Amino acid sequence: MKKKDEVSAFSYLDETIQRLSEPGLLLVSGNMKRANVMTIGWGLLGIFWSKPFFVVAVRPSRYTHKFIEKTRDFTVNVPGRGMEETVAYCGTVSGRDRDKFEERGLTMLPSRRVSSPIIEECIINYECRVAYKTIVNIEELSSSILSLCYPYGDYHTLYFGEILTVHADEKLK
């Protein structure tokens, strides 16, 4: 098992943002008995209500949505180099039909502060508790975003996850 050290919320902001855009990050919600992992390419890190937050967008049609609704927490896991195929796989296969953890050799580790597990193979792990959620309001979106991102509806739920703790592989220091 890799050693993971607790670090401040924004210690690895550059690495997280870089990997968010390519190849994506791995969002997990559930518990150690049953969880789902999905790829995300959209997200925001910052300060809300004087606390560190990670905002993620999940469509109600996604299997992960039901897990976040139940647990009210999630983890965001930053993949290391060489995990690009796993990230692509987790973004194209549904957890309703497949066990992506088993199929891609991903190891769930218990989180310290939330019920949703972290992924051992990832280099950075954010543990987040949902403090607020909202559904994208189509009346407030520009027509270019609507046509590009929502041609079939299925508007995202935005989950504002307070970052409770962050772990990073010891070798990143």
Protein backbone atom coordinates (compact mmCIF):
# COMPACT_ATOMS: atom_id res chain seq x y z
CA MET A 1 0.00 0.00 0.00
CA LYS A 2 1.29 3.47 -0.93
CA LYS A 3 1.85 5.94 1.89
CA LYS A 4 -0.53 8.88 1.67
CA ASP A 5 0.13 12.04 3.65
CA GLU A 6 -2.51 14.56 4.68
CA VAL A 7 -1.90 17.90 2.94
CA SER A 8 -3.65 21.27 2.84
CA ALA A 9 -6.67 21.61 0.55
CA PHE A 10 -4.92 23.44 -2.27
CA SER A 11 -1.38 22.00 -2.03
CA TYR A 12 -1.74 20.28 -5.40
CA LEU A 13 -4.12 22.65 -7.17
CA ASP A 14 -2.00 22.89 -10.35
CA GLU A 15 -1.72 19.11 -10.71
CA THR A 16 -5.44 18.67 -10.06
CA ILE A 17 -6.52 21.28 -12.61
CA GLN A 18 -4.08 19.93 -15.19
CA ARG A 19 -5.40 16.37 -14.83
CA LEU A 20 -9.04 17.58 -14.73
CA SER A 21 -8.71 18.77 -18.31
CA GLU A 22 -6.70 15.77 -19.49
CA PRO A 23 -7.30 12.87 -18.91
CA GLY A 24 -9.97 13.68 -16.27
CA LEU A 25 -10.43 12.86 -12.60
CA LEU A 26 -12.15 9.92 -10.91
CA LEU A 27 -15.22 10.72 -8.80
CA VAL A 28 -16.28 8.07 -6.28
CA SER A 29 -19.38 7.86 -4.10
CA GLY A 30 -20.82 5.04 -2.03
CA ASN A 31 -19.22 3.00 0.71
CA MET A 32 -16.66 0.22 1.08
CA LYS A 33 -19.33 -2.42 0.30
CA ARG A 34 -20.70 -0.74 -2.85
CA ALA A 35 -19.43 2.33 -4.63
CA ASN A 36 -19.22 3.68 -8.14
CA VAL A 37 -16.43 5.46 -9.93
CA MET A 38 -16.93 7.79 -12.90
CA THR A 39 -14.72 10.13 -14.87
CA ILE A 40 -15.23 13.88 -14.58
CA GLY A 41 -13.79 16.55 -16.83
CA TRP A 42 -15.61 19.48 -15.23
CA GLY A 43 -15.11 20.78 -11.72
CA LEU A 44 -14.24 23.82 -9.67
CA LEU A 45 -11.96 24.19 -6.68
CA GLY A 46 -12.13 27.30 -4.55
CA ILE A 47 -13.41 29.03 -1.47
CA PHE A 48 -17.13 29.19 -0.66
CA TRP A 49 -18.54 30.26 2.67
CA SER A 50 -14.94 30.74 3.95
CA LYS A 51 -14.10 27.05 3.41
CA PRO A 52 -12.36 25.01 0.68
CA PHE A 53 -14.77 23.41 -1.79
CA PHE A 54 -14.72 21.09 -4.78
CA VAL A 55 -17.78 21.54 -7.00
CA VAL A 56 -18.65 18.61 -9.28
CA ALA A 57 -21.35 18.27 -11.93
CA VAL A 58 -23.22 14.95 -12.16
CA ARG A 59 -26.17 14.25 -14.42
CA PRO A 60 -29.18 12.57 -12.74
CA SER A 61 -28.97 9.78 -15.33
CA ARG A 62 -25.52 8.76 -14.08
CA TYR A 63 -25.28 5.86 -11.65
CA THR A 64 -23.05 7.93 -9.33
CA HIS A 65 -25.86 10.47 -8.85
CA LYS A 66 -27.88 8.07 -6.69
CA PHE A 67 -24.85 7.32 -4.53
CA ILE A 68 -24.15 11.02 -3.86
CA GLU A 69 -27.82 11.60 -3.07
CA LYS A 70 -27.69 8.77 -0.52
CA THR A 71 -24.28 9.36 1.09
CA ARG A 72 -24.17 13.17 0.73
CA ASP A 73 -20.42 12.83 0.16
CA PHE A 74 -17.88 11.93 -2.52
CA THR A 75 -14.18 11.70 -3.18
CA VAL A 76 -12.29 13.18 -6.10
CA ASN A 77 -9.23 11.18 -7.07
CA VAL A 78 -6.42 12.47 -9.26
CA PRO A 79 -4.98 9.73 -11.47
CA GLY A 80 -1.25 9.33 -11.92
CA ARG A 81 0.51 9.06 -15.24
CA GLY A 82 -0.20 5.75 -16.94
CA MET A 83 -3.84 5.66 -15.80
CA GLU A 84 -5.24 7.26 -18.97
CA GLU A 85 -6.90 4.05 -20.21
CA THR A 86 -8.55 3.51 -16.82
CA VAL A 87 -9.88 7.08 -16.79
CA ALA A 88 -11.25 6.63 -20.33
CA TYR A 89 -12.85 3.32 -19.37
CA CYS A 90 -14.51 4.76 -16.25
CA GLY A 91 -15.99 7.50 -18.43
CA THR A 92 -17.55 5.17 -20.98
CA VAL A 93 -18.80 2.16 -18.98
CA SER A 94 -21.71 2.29 -16.54
CA GLY A 95 -21.32 1.01 -12.99
CA ARG A 96 -24.90 -0.26 -13.24
CA ASP A 97 -23.63 -3.02 -15.50
CA ARG A 98 -19.99 -3.48 -14.52
CA ASP A 99 -17.70 -3.38 -11.49
CA LYS A 100 -15.19 -0.84 -12.76
CA PHE A 101 -13.02 -1.16 -9.65
CA GLU A 102 -12.50 -4.87 -10.26
CA GLU A 103 -12.22 -4.64 -14.03
CA ARG A 104 -9.58 -1.88 -13.91
CA GLY A 105 -7.72 -3.13 -10.83
CA LEU A 106 -8.61 -0.11 -8.70
CA THR A 107 -8.25 -0.51 -4.93
CA MET A 108 -10.79 1.15 -2.64
CA LEU A 109 -9.38 2.47 0.61
CA PRO A 110 -11.54 3.76 3.45
CA SER A 111 -11.65 7.53 3.70
CA ARG A 112 -10.86 9.25 6.97
CA ARG A 113 -13.78 11.69 7.06
CA VAL A 114 -16.50 10.48 4.64
CA SER A 115 -18.18 7.18 3.79
CA SER A 116 -17.11 7.21 0.13
CA PRO A 117 -13.79 5.43 -0.47
CA ILE A 118 -10.67 6.85 -2.07
CA ILE A 119 -8.67 5.13 -4.81
CA GLU A 120 -5.24 3.90 -3.72
CA GLU A 121 -3.72 4.05 -7.21
CA CYS A 122 -4.50 7.77 -7.55
CA ILE A 123 -1.85 10.26 -6.51
CA ILE A 124 -4.15 12.81 -4.81
CA ASN A 125 -7.48 12.19 -3.05
CA TYR A 126 -10.01 14.81 -1.93
CA GLU A 127 -12.65 13.84 0.64
CA CYS A 128 -15.75 16.02 0.31
CA ARG A 129 -19.07 16.35 2.13
CA VAL A 130 -21.98 17.91 0.24
CA ALA A 131 -22.92 21.25 1.81
CA TYR A 132 -25.16 22.46 -1.01
CA LYS A 133 -26.55 21.28 -4.31
CA THR A 134 -28.43 22.90 -7.13
CA ILE A 135 -29.75 21.83 -10.52
CA VAL A 136 -28.59 23.75 -13.57
CA ASN A 137 -31.25 26.33 -14.41
CA ILE A 138 -31.70 26.26 -18.17
CA GLU A 139 -33.35 29.66 -18.18
CA GLU A 140 -30.09 31.21 -16.97
CA LEU A 141 -27.76 29.43 -19.43
CA SER A 142 -26.58 30.95 -22.68
CA SER A 143 -27.94 29.33 -25.81
CA SER A 144 -24.43 28.29 -26.89
CA ILE A 145 -23.94 26.27 -23.68
CA LEU A 146 -27.43 24.76 -23.98
CA SER A 147 -26.85 23.58 -27.55
CA LEU A 148 -23.32 22.34 -26.87
CA CYS A 149 -23.79 20.62 -23.51
CA TYR A 150 -27.51 19.86 -23.22
CA PRO A 151 -28.93 18.94 -26.62
CA TYR A 152 -30.96 16.14 -24.96
CA GLY A 153 -31.71 17.76 -21.59
CA ASP A 154 -30.36 15.77 -18.63
CA TYR A 155 -29.16 18.87 -16.80
CA HIS A 156 -26.42 18.46 -14.21
CA THR A 157 -26.80 18.61 -10.48
CA LEU A 158 -23.97 20.72 -9.08
CA TYR A 159 -22.69 19.35 -5.79
CA PHE A 160 -20.72 21.76 -3.62
CA GLY A 161 -18.46 19.45 -1.62
CA GLU A 162 -16.66 20.94 1.34
CA ILE A 163 -13.13 19.56 1.22
CA LEU A 164 -12.63 17.90 4.60
CA THR A 165 -9.19 16.46 3.98
CA VAL A 166 -6.77 15.80 1.13
CA HIS A 167 -4.25 12.98 0.84
CA ALA A 168 -1.29 12.86 -1.53
CA ASP A 169 1.24 10.16 -2.25
CA GLU A 170 4.35 10.66 -0.17
CA LYS A 171 6.49 10.70 -3.34
CA LEU A 172 4.79 13.95 -4.53
CA LYS A 173 6.52 16.02 -1.83
